[in-house]
Amino acid sequence: MFGEQLQKERERRSWSIRELARRAGVSPGTVLKVERGRDPSVSIAKSLANALSVSIDYLAGTFEPDDNLKAPHAV
């Protein structure tokens, strides 16, 4: 999931793997491995998310945008 979302966000910006790697301060090989399914370390995940201006949760698929918009239910 992380790698798929990473690739989707990279491509949405029309960035090459090299461009994302440069912006994140990692090697192009690292970006490629993550996009192909390797789980990144926390520090690499943070660097990639920061470069894309998204959260790690978003890239991991655990962030639901609607959760923050729902009002609490009255009891």
Protein backbone atom coordinates (compact mmCIF):
# COMPACT_ATOMS: atom_id res chain seq x y z
CA MET A 1 0.00 0.00 0.00
CA PHE A 2 2.75 2.49 0.94
CA GLY A 3 4.62 1.95 -2.32
CA GLU A 4 1.49 2.18 -4.45
CA GLN A 5 0.41 5.41 -2.80
CA LEU A 6 3.95 6.80 -3.05
CA GLN A 7 4.03 6.12 -6.78
CA LYS A 8 0.56 7.60 -7.24
CA GLU A 9 1.55 10.83 -5.48
CA ARG A 10 4.86 11.04 -7.35
CA GLU A 11 3.17 10.57 -10.70
CA ARG A 12 0.38 13.04 -9.80
CA ARG A 13 3.13 15.65 -9.54
CA SER A 14 4.77 14.42 -12.77
CA TRP A 15 8.01 13.78 -10.88
CA SER A 16 10.49 11.16 -11.94
CA ILE A 17 11.90 8.72 -9.43
CA ARG A 18 15.12 10.75 -9.52
CA GLU A 19 13.24 13.97 -8.74
CA LEU A 20 11.48 12.47 -5.71
CA ALA A 21 14.74 10.94 -4.54
CA ARG A 22 16.51 14.30 -4.83
CA ARG A 23 13.78 16.11 -2.94
CA ALA A 24 13.65 13.44 -0.24
CA GLY A 25 17.42 13.09 0.10
CA VAL A 26 17.43 9.37 -0.68
CA SER A 27 18.75 7.34 -3.58
CA PRO A 28 16.62 6.63 -6.66
CA GLY A 29 17.12 2.94 -5.90
CA THR A 30 15.48 3.43 -2.52
CA VAL A 31 12.44 5.09 -4.08
CA LEU A 32 12.19 2.29 -6.64
CA LYS A 33 12.40 -0.42 -3.95
CA VAL A 34 9.70 1.25 -1.87
CA GLU A 35 7.43 1.68 -4.88
CA ARG A 36 7.89 -2.00 -5.67
CA GLY A 37 6.78 -3.06 -2.20
CA ARG A 38 9.69 -2.88 0.21
CA ASP A 39 8.64 -1.37 3.55
CA PRO A 40 10.73 1.74 4.22
CA SER A 41 12.35 2.57 7.52
CA VAL A 42 10.59 5.25 9.54
CA SER A 43 13.23 7.82 8.61
CA ILE A 44 12.92 7.09 4.88
CA ALA A 45 9.12 7.10 5.07
CA LYS A 46 9.28 10.48 6.81
CA SER A 47 11.66 11.88 4.17
CA LEU A 48 9.46 10.68 1.31
CA ALA A 49 6.27 11.97 2.93
CA ASN A 50 7.86 15.35 3.64
CA ALA A 51 9.08 15.66 0.06
CA LEU A 52 5.52 15.07 -1.15
CA SER A 53 3.97 17.26 1.58
CA VAL A 54 1.76 14.43 2.80
CA SER A 55 1.65 12.41 6.02
CA ILE A 56 3.16 8.98 6.53
CA ASP A 57 -0.34 7.82 7.50
CA TYR A 58 -1.64 8.96 4.13
CA LEU A 59 1.04 7.02 2.25
CA ALA A 60 0.43 3.97 4.44
CA GLY A 61 -3.29 4.11 3.71
CA THR A 62 -4.30 4.51 7.35
CA PHE A 63 -5.53 8.09 7.05
CA GLU A 64 -9.20 8.59 6.29
CA PRO A 65 -9.82 12.23 5.34
CA ASP A 66 -13.48 12.03 6.37
CA ASP A 67 -12.57 11.01 9.96
CA ASN A 68 -11.51 14.56 10.79
CA LEU A 69 -14.68 16.05 9.35
CA LYS A 70 -17.20 13.92 11.26
CA ALA A 71 -18.86 15.53 14.23
CA PRO A 72 -18.88 13.56 17.47
CA HIS A 73 -22.12 11.74 18.14
CA ALA A 74 -24.27 13.04 20.97
CA VAL A 75 -25.04 10.49 23.64
